[in-house]
């Protein structure tokens, strides 16, 4: 069984999860989540629960599915832990607007998912 599992070029978790490794994985071994992301399946905010994405995630991806992580998010976004904030705190503190400004400064009007290559 283990002979069937493709070996990563490195044993480091950082190398396995980097953009190059994830791009290769998407092309060679696409998942259901990759298909949802490629189709931009609808994923609206449905409340603060552990099973569903937080408001900040749905705002960034405009209510559609995304399973991107790591290099997609610059340090100025990650530094304040926006992904851990519940909806009420995000709204009450004005962080929703900060998130929007920082995301736009980072990506302009480009959706980073458009840069991905998928298996046919």
Protein backbone atom coordinates (compact mmCIF):
# COMPACT_ATOMS: atom_id res chain seq x y z
CA UNK A 1 0.00 0.00 0.00
CA UNK A 2 2.71 2.51 0.92
CA UNK A 3 4.34 1.88 -2.46
CA UNK A 4 1.28 3.45 -4.09
CA UNK A 5 1.60 6.73 -2.18
CA UNK A 6 3.64 9.32 -4.10
CA UNK A 7 6.61 10.49 -2.06
CA UNK A 8 7.08 14.19 -1.55
CA UNK A 9 10.40 15.77 -2.55
CA UNK A 10 10.91 16.64 1.11
CA UNK A 11 9.73 15.44 4.47
CA UNK A 12 9.19 18.96 5.77
CA UNK A 13 5.57 19.99 6.26
CA UNK A 14 6.44 23.43 4.92
CA UNK A 15 7.71 21.92 1.65
CA UNK A 16 4.72 19.61 1.30
CA UNK A 17 2.25 22.45 1.75
CA UNK A 18 4.04 25.07 -0.37
CA UNK A 19 2.52 26.45 -3.57
CA UNK A 20 4.68 24.32 -5.89
CA UNK A 21 3.78 21.06 -4.16
CA UNK A 22 0.10 21.97 -4.00
CA UNK A 23 0.10 22.92 -7.69
CA UNK A 24 1.63 19.56 -8.56
CA UNK A 25 -0.87 17.75 -6.35
CA UNK A 26 -3.79 19.58 -8.00
CA UNK A 27 -2.59 18.51 -11.45
CA UNK A 28 -1.74 14.91 -10.60
CA UNK A 29 -4.17 14.02 -7.81
CA UNK A 30 -7.11 16.45 -7.82
CA UNK A 31 -9.59 16.22 -4.96
CA UNK A 32 -13.30 16.96 -4.67
CA UNK A 33 -12.32 20.20 -2.94
CA UNK A 34 -10.20 21.18 -5.95
CA UNK A 35 -13.21 20.60 -8.21
CA UNK A 36 -15.42 22.76 -5.96
CA UNK A 37 -12.82 25.49 -6.08
CA UNK A 38 -12.42 25.27 -9.86
CA UNK A 39 -16.20 25.51 -10.36
CA UNK A 40 -16.47 28.27 -7.73
CA UNK A 41 -19.22 26.39 -5.90
CA UNK A 42 -21.36 28.66 -3.75
CA UNK A 43 -20.24 28.80 -0.11
CA UNK A 44 -22.00 31.65 1.67
CA UNK A 45 -21.53 32.59 5.31
CA UNK A 46 -24.02 30.56 7.35
CA UNK A 47 -23.14 31.56 10.87
CA UNK A 48 -20.26 31.06 13.24
CA UNK A 49 -19.89 27.30 13.59
CA UNK A 50 -16.85 25.04 13.66
CA UNK A 51 -18.01 23.14 10.57
CA UNK A 52 -18.39 26.12 8.25
CA UNK A 53 -16.08 28.90 7.11
CA UNK A 54 -15.98 32.15 9.09
CA UNK A 55 -17.34 35.39 7.68
CA UNK A 56 -13.87 36.66 6.80
CA UNK A 57 -13.24 33.63 4.58
CA UNK A 58 -16.52 34.01 2.72
CA UNK A 59 -15.88 37.74 2.26
CA UNK A 60 -12.45 37.18 0.73
CA UNK A 61 -13.75 34.56 -1.70
CA UNK A 62 -17.02 36.37 -2.39
CA UNK A 63 -19.18 33.51 -1.14
CA UNK A 64 -17.57 30.82 -3.28
CA UNK A 65 -15.51 27.75 -2.42
CA UNK A 66 -11.75 28.02 -1.96
CA UNK A 67 -9.23 25.69 -0.40
CA UNK A 68 -6.18 27.89 -0.89
CA UNK A 69 -3.84 28.62 1.98
CA UNK A 70 -0.26 29.55 2.79
CA UNK A 71 1.33 31.81 0.16
CA UNK A 72 -2.02 33.21 -0.92
CA UNK A 73 -2.19 35.24 2.28
CA UNK A 74 0.47 37.85 2.90
CA UNK A 75 1.86 38.47 6.38
CA UNK A 76 -0.06 41.72 6.87
CA UNK A 77 -3.29 39.76 6.49
CA UNK A 78 -2.24 36.80 8.61
CA UNK A 79 -0.65 38.90 11.36
CA UNK A 80 -3.95 39.93 12.95
CA UNK A 81 -5.59 36.49 12.77
CA UNK A 82 -8.68 37.63 10.85
CA UNK A 83 -9.68 34.03 10.17
CA UNK A 84 -10.22 33.44 13.90
CA UNK A 85 -12.61 36.38 14.39
CA UNK A 86 -16.32 35.71 14.68
CA UNK A 87 -18.76 37.72 12.56
CA UNK A 88 -19.85 40.04 15.38
CA UNK A 89 -16.29 41.07 16.23
CA UNK A 90 -15.40 41.54 12.56
CA UNK A 91 -18.34 43.91 12.13
CA UNK A 92 -18.15 45.67 15.52
CA UNK A 93 -14.49 46.61 15.20
CA UNK A 94 -14.55 47.68 11.55
CA UNK A 95 -12.16 44.85 10.70
CA UNK A 96 -14.35 43.89 7.75
CA UNK A 97 -13.22 47.05 5.95
CA UNK A 98 -9.58 46.48 6.97
CA UNK A 99 -9.75 42.96 5.55
CA UNK A 100 -11.21 44.26 2.30
CA UNK A 101 -8.52 46.97 1.97
CA UNK A 102 -5.64 44.61 2.74
CA UNK A 103 -6.93 41.94 0.36
CA UNK A 104 -7.40 44.50 -2.43
CA UNK A 105 -3.93 45.96 -1.81
CA UNK A 106 -2.46 42.48 -2.08
CA UNK A 107 -4.41 41.10 -5.04
CA UNK A 108 -5.96 44.18 -6.72
CA UNK A 109 -8.90 42.83 -8.73
CA UNK A 110 -7.28 39.46 -9.47
CA UNK A 111 -8.67 36.26 -7.97
CA UNK A 112 -5.61 34.14 -7.04
CA UNK A 113 -7.56 31.00 -7.92
CA UNK A 114 -7.41 32.10 -11.57
CA UNK A 115 -3.67 31.46 -11.53
CA UNK A 116 -4.04 27.80 -10.63
CA UNK A 117 -3.52 24.90 -13.00
CA UNK A 118 -5.78 21.90 -12.65
CA UNK A 119 -5.91 18.44 -14.16
CA UNK A 120 -8.08 18.30 -17.27
